[in-house]
Protein backbone atom coordinates (compact mmCIF):
# COMPACT_ATOMS: atom_id res chain seq x y z
CA MET A 1 219.79 -31.52 -78.79
CA THR A 2 223.21 -32.34 -77.35
CA THR A 3 224.45 -35.78 -76.26
CA THR A 4 224.30 -34.56 -72.67
CA ASN A 5 220.60 -33.74 -73.03
CA PHE A 6 219.89 -37.19 -74.53
CA ALA A 7 221.72 -38.84 -71.64
CA PHE A 8 219.69 -36.78 -69.17
CA LEU A 9 216.41 -37.82 -70.83
CA ASP A 10 217.46 -41.49 -70.84
CA ASP A 11 218.31 -41.30 -67.14
CA ALA A 12 214.99 -39.60 -66.41
CA PHE A 13 213.09 -42.32 -68.34
CA VAL A 14 214.90 -45.11 -66.47
CA SER A 15 214.24 -43.34 -63.19
CA SER A 16 210.52 -42.93 -63.97
CA ARG A 17 210.25 -46.64 -64.88
CA GLN A 18 211.94 -47.62 -61.63
CA LEU A 19 209.61 -45.36 -59.65
CA LEU A 20 206.57 -46.79 -61.45
CA LEU A 21 207.69 -50.35 -60.70
CA LEU A 22 208.38 -49.58 -57.04
CA ALA A 23 205.06 -47.76 -56.64
CA SER A 24 203.19 -50.62 -58.35
CA ILE A 25 204.79 -53.23 -56.09
CA CYS A 26 203.88 -51.20 -53.00
CA CYS A 27 200.32 -50.70 -54.31
CA GLY A 28 199.96 -54.42 -54.95
CA ALA A 29 201.08 -55.33 -51.44
CA LEU A 30 198.95 -52.57 -49.89
CA MET A 31 195.82 -53.59 -51.82
CA CYS A 32 196.29 -57.19 -50.68
CA LYS A 33 196.62 -56.05 -47.04
CA ILE A 34 193.44 -53.97 -47.36
CA VAL A 35 191.55 -56.89 -48.95
CA TYR A 36 192.90 -59.21 -46.22
CA ASP A 37 191.44 -56.95 -43.51
CA LEU A 38 188.18 -56.40 -45.44
CA THR A 39 187.75 -60.15 -45.90
CA GLY A 40 187.94 -60.66 -42.14
CA PHE A 41 185.57 -57.76 -41.43
CA ILE A 42 182.94 -58.80 -44.01
CA SER A 43 183.20 -62.50 -43.11
CA THR A 44 182.47 -61.67 -39.46
CA LEU A 45 179.22 -59.99 -40.54
CA LEU A 46 178.08 -62.47 -43.19
CA PHE A 47 179.34 -65.92 -42.17
CA SER A 48 178.57 -67.28 -38.71
CA VAL A 49 181.10 -70.09 -39.20
CA TYR A 50 183.93 -67.55 -39.43
CA GLY A 51 183.75 -66.67 -35.75
CA LYS A 52 184.04 -70.36 -34.81
CA LEU A 53 187.31 -70.88 -36.69
CA ASP A 54 190.64 -70.94 -34.89
CA ASN A 55 193.18 -68.20 -35.61
CA LYS A 56 195.21 -70.19 -38.17
CA VAL A 57 192.16 -71.11 -40.23
CA ARG A 58 190.86 -67.53 -40.09
CA MET A 59 194.24 -66.31 -41.27
CA GLU A 60 194.08 -68.68 -44.25
CA TRP A 61 190.47 -67.60 -44.92
CA ASN A 62 191.58 -63.97 -45.16
CA ASN A 63 194.67 -64.89 -47.17
CA ARG A 64 192.51 -66.63 -49.76
CA GLY A 65 190.42 -63.45 -49.94
CA PHE A 66 193.29 -61.40 -51.30
CA SER A 67 194.57 -64.22 -53.52
CA THR A 68 191.10 -64.24 -55.12
CA PHE A 69 191.29 -60.47 -55.55
CA HIS A 70 194.69 -60.75 -57.24
CA ALA A 71 193.45 -63.54 -59.52
CA VAL A 72 190.45 -61.50 -60.70
CA PHE A 73 192.57 -58.38 -61.19
CA THR A 74 195.33 -60.09 -63.19
CA SER A 75 192.85 -62.10 -65.28
CA VAL A 76 190.93 -58.99 -66.31
CA ALA A 77 194.14 -57.04 -66.97
CA SER A 78 195.62 -59.93 -68.99
CA ILE A 79 192.50 -60.29 -71.14
CA TYR A 80 192.55 -56.55 -71.81
CA LEU A 81 196.24 -56.48 -72.76
CA LEU A 82 196.20 -59.72 -74.77
CA VAL A 83 192.83 -59.46 -76.51
CA ILE A 84 191.28 -55.99 -76.35
CA SER A 85 194.27 -53.65 -76.66
CA ASP A 86 196.69 -53.71 -79.59
CA GLN A 87 199.83 -53.94 -77.44
CA PHE A 88 200.63 -57.45 -78.69
CA ASP A 89 198.90 -57.21 -82.09
CA GLU A 90 201.34 -58.46 -84.74
CA ASN A 91 199.41 -56.60 -87.44
CA VAL A 92 200.30 -53.39 -85.64
CA HIS A 93 203.76 -54.13 -84.23
CA GLY A 94 205.06 -56.96 -86.42
CA ASP A 95 208.11 -58.77 -85.06
CA SER A 96 208.59 -56.14 -82.34
CA VAL A 97 205.83 -57.74 -80.22
CA ILE A 98 208.46 -59.56 -78.16
CA ASN A 99 209.82 -56.14 -77.13
CA SER A 100 206.42 -54.51 -76.58
CA THR A 101 206.03 -52.78 -73.24
CA THR A 102 203.83 -49.99 -71.89
CA ARG A 103 203.45 -48.21 -68.58
CA LEU A 104 200.16 -50.08 -68.06
CA SER A 105 201.65 -53.55 -68.60
CA GLU A 106 204.59 -52.70 -66.32
CA ALA A 107 202.22 -51.41 -63.62
CA VAL A 108 200.13 -54.59 -63.78
CA MET A 109 203.23 -56.76 -63.41
CA GLY A 110 204.43 -54.59 -60.53
CA ILE A 111 201.10 -55.03 -58.71
CA SER A 112 201.34 -58.78 -59.29
CA LEU A 113 204.86 -58.76 -57.86
CA GLY A 114 203.53 -56.99 -54.76
CA TYR A 115 200.99 -59.79 -54.32
CA PHE A 116 203.53 -62.58 -54.76
CA LEU A 117 205.95 -60.91 -52.34
CA LEU A 118 203.32 -60.49 -49.63
CA ASP A 119 201.86 -63.96 -50.12
CA LEU A 120 205.29 -65.59 -50.15
CA ALA A 121 206.23 -63.75 -46.95
CA MET A 122 203.06 -65.08 -45.28
CA ILE A 123 203.76 -68.61 -46.56
CA PHE A 124 207.26 -68.53 -45.08
CA TRP A 125 206.07 -66.97 -41.80
CA HIS A 126 203.29 -69.53 -41.27
CA PHE A 127 204.93 -72.46 -43.09
CA PRO A 128 203.43 -74.91 -43.92
CA THR A 129 199.92 -73.70 -42.94
CA LEU A 130 199.35 -71.70 -46.15
CA GLY A 131 201.00 -74.21 -48.48
CA GLY A 132 204.01 -76.44 -48.83
CA ILE A 133 207.16 -76.27 -50.89
CA GLU A 134 205.21 -76.45 -54.16
CA TYR A 135 203.68 -73.02 -53.44
CA VAL A 136 207.11 -71.58 -52.62
CA PHE A 137 208.43 -73.03 -55.89
CA HIS A 138 205.47 -71.66 -57.88
CA HIS A 139 205.69 -68.17 -56.39
CA GLY A 140 209.48 -68.08 -56.71
CA LEU A 141 209.44 -69.01 -60.39
CA SER A 142 206.60 -66.58 -61.12
CA MET A 143 208.37 -63.68 -59.41
CA PHE A 144 211.66 -64.44 -61.16
CA ALA A 145 210.00 -64.49 -64.59
CA ILE A 146 208.05 -61.27 -63.94
CA ILE A 147 211.14 -59.44 -62.66
CA LEU A 148 213.15 -60.42 -65.76
CA SER A 149 210.33 -59.30 -68.05
CA VAL A 150 209.44 -56.02 -66.37
CA THR A 151 213.08 -54.89 -66.03
CA SER A 152 214.04 -55.84 -69.59
CA GLY A 153 210.77 -54.86 -71.30
CA GLN A 154 210.77 -58.18 -73.17
CA SER A 155 208.54 -61.29 -73.31
CA GLN A 156 205.59 -59.56 -71.65
CA PHE A 157 203.16 -61.29 -74.04
CA TYR A 158 204.15 -64.65 -72.53
CA ILE A 159 204.07 -63.31 -68.98
CA PHE A 160 200.44 -62.24 -69.38
CA ILE A 161 199.46 -65.63 -70.81
CA VAL A 162 200.83 -67.22 -67.63
CA LEU A 163 199.15 -64.59 -65.42
CA LEU A 164 195.84 -65.34 -67.17
CA SER A 165 196.07 -68.87 -65.79
CA GLU A 166 195.41 -67.32 -62.35
CA ALA A 167 191.74 -67.25 -63.43
CA THR A 168 191.39 -70.70 -61.82
CA THR A 169 192.30 -69.42 -58.35
CA PRO A 170 188.78 -68.20 -57.35
CA PHE A 171 187.43 -71.74 -57.95
CA VAL A 172 190.24 -73.26 -55.87
CA ASN A 173 189.53 -70.82 -53.05
CA LEU A 174 185.75 -71.32 -53.22
CA ARG A 175 186.31 -75.06 -52.92
CA TRP A 176 188.31 -74.46 -49.73
CA TYR A 177 185.69 -72.03 -48.35
CA LEU A 178 182.86 -74.51 -48.93
CA ASP A 179 184.86 -77.34 -47.35
CA THR A 180 185.78 -75.20 -44.32
CA SER A 181 182.14 -74.12 -43.94
CA GLY A 182 181.01 -77.73 -43.76
CA GLN A 183 179.40 -77.71 -47.22
CA LYS A 184 181.51 -80.39 -48.84
CA GLY A 185 178.40 -82.44 -49.59
CA SER A 186 176.45 -79.53 -51.08
CA LYS A 187 175.41 -79.02 -54.69
CA ALA A 188 177.46 -75.82 -54.75
CA TYR A 189 180.59 -77.81 -53.93
CA THR A 190 179.90 -80.24 -56.79
CA LEU A 191 179.16 -77.45 -59.30
CA ASN A 192 182.30 -75.58 -58.24
CA GLY A 193 184.32 -78.78 -58.69
CA ILE A 194 183.07 -79.08 -62.27
CA ALA A 195 183.82 -75.39 -62.91
CA LEU A 196 187.32 -75.84 -61.45
CA PHE A 197 187.98 -78.86 -63.68
CA LEU A 198 186.83 -77.03 -66.83
CA GLY A 199 188.57 -73.79 -65.87
CA TRP A 200 191.83 -75.61 -65.14
CA LEU A 201 191.59 -77.50 -68.44
CA VAL A 202 191.19 -74.24 -70.38
CA ALA A 203 193.42 -71.83 -68.41
CA ARG A 204 196.25 -74.10 -67.29
CA ILE A 205 196.35 -76.91 -69.86
CA LEU A 206 195.03 -75.66 -73.22
CA LEU A 207 196.35 -72.14 -72.67
CA PHE A 208 199.82 -73.51 -71.94
CA ILE A 209 199.63 -75.64 -75.11
CA TYR A 210 198.86 -72.41 -77.00
CA PHE A 211 201.81 -70.78 -75.19
CA PHE A 212 204.27 -73.44 -76.41
CA VAL A 213 202.85 -73.55 -79.95
CA HIS A 214 203.07 -69.74 -80.19
CA MET A 215 206.65 -69.82 -78.94
CA TYR A 216 207.57 -72.46 -81.52
CA LEU A 217 205.95 -70.55 -84.39
CA HIS A 218 207.55 -67.25 -83.28
CA PHE A 219 210.94 -68.61 -82.27
CA HIS A 220 212.67 -66.06 -84.50
CA GLN A 221 211.26 -63.41 -82.13
CA VAL A 222 211.99 -65.39 -78.97
CA LYS A 223 215.68 -65.54 -79.98
CA GLN A 224 215.79 -61.74 -79.68
CA VAL A 225 215.37 -61.99 -75.90
CA PHE A 226 218.50 -61.43 -73.80
CA PRO A 227 220.26 -64.70 -72.79
CA LEU A 228 218.94 -65.16 -69.23
CA GLY A 229 215.41 -64.28 -70.34
CA PHE A 230 215.69 -66.61 -73.35
CA TYR A 231 216.73 -69.63 -71.28
CA SER A 232 214.13 -68.78 -68.64
CA LEU A 233 211.45 -68.92 -71.36
CA LEU A 234 212.70 -72.39 -72.28
CA THR A 235 212.70 -73.71 -68.70
CA ILE A 236 210.25 -71.89 -66.38
CA PRO A 237 207.01 -72.37 -68.41
CA PRO A 238 207.63 -76.14 -68.79
CA ALA A 239 208.23 -76.38 -65.02
CA LEU A 240 204.96 -74.53 -64.33
CA ALA A 241 203.19 -76.71 -66.92
CA MET A 242 204.34 -79.87 -65.13
CA MET A 243 202.99 -78.50 -61.84
CA ASN A 244 199.70 -77.67 -63.56
CA LEU A 245 199.45 -81.22 -64.92
CA LEU A 246 200.12 -82.68 -61.47
CA TRP A 247 197.46 -80.47 -59.88
CA PHE A 248 195.06 -81.25 -62.75
CA TYR A 249 195.48 -84.96 -62.02
CA LYS A 250 194.57 -84.32 -58.36
CA ILE A 251 191.61 -82.11 -59.34
CA THR A 252 190.32 -84.78 -61.71
CA LYS A 253 190.58 -87.46 -59.02
CA GLY A 254 188.78 -85.19 -56.56
CA LEU A 255 186.00 -84.41 -59.03
CA ILE A 256 185.44 -88.10 -59.81
CA LYS A 257 185.24 -88.81 -56.07
CA THR A 258 182.81 -85.91 -55.51
CA LEU A 259 180.54 -86.93 -58.41
CA SER A 260 180.56 -90.53 -57.20
CA LYS A 261 179.46 -89.47 -53.72
CA ALA A 262 176.77 -87.20 -55.19
CA ARG A 263 175.32 -90.10 -57.19
CA HIS A 264 175.26 -92.33 -54.11
CA ARG A 265 173.39 -89.67 -52.12
CA GLU A 266 170.75 -89.52 -54.84
């Protein structure tokens, strides 16, 4: 095969990757829009309180519907890629794990990018109804890290560890739903608070400790990452970890307050 043919194949591969990424981003945004509309439709049928909410609160209700969908999707995909598949298995790939990439992992990251883009656009449009500057900061850092990883094909193992931390989002959203529905004093609210505390401890504290320990033990692989990606690995995860610790402090305070009120009611 001539050099020209190799160049043509390389160009075709790059083009197919770009098309896959673009299609995945569009699919992610489209799925979130569909879930947003479905959340409003189903909530009208099942929850009488939904019809009594003002437009801004209903908009946030629907927004939390598709953020829950994204959290479940990315958590399941991350568990599959990290645990079930052999994509990041060092016994299979050795030191090349840092450069491991597949069409599936790229598609998942593209779908996640579609979610972050749509959610960030809504946050800016309705600022600060859907969240303050901390949400803009979180989404911005997450998107930047995903874009670097999906375009370079590197560090995807670490990206999926961070995406797995989204598993706490359904508990956060359920807490808001129960509060908005006037069930802050219910047993369900208390049980969800405990689940949120435990989930946050595992997915956003212990998992990040594992992240940093793994990076330290595999630093010879991490050094293979291109310069911007390398320094991003050294700065973005610690920034997200600090935000997680701050939110964990608030969650812990809230849980203590909720349990104290529950004991007084008894």
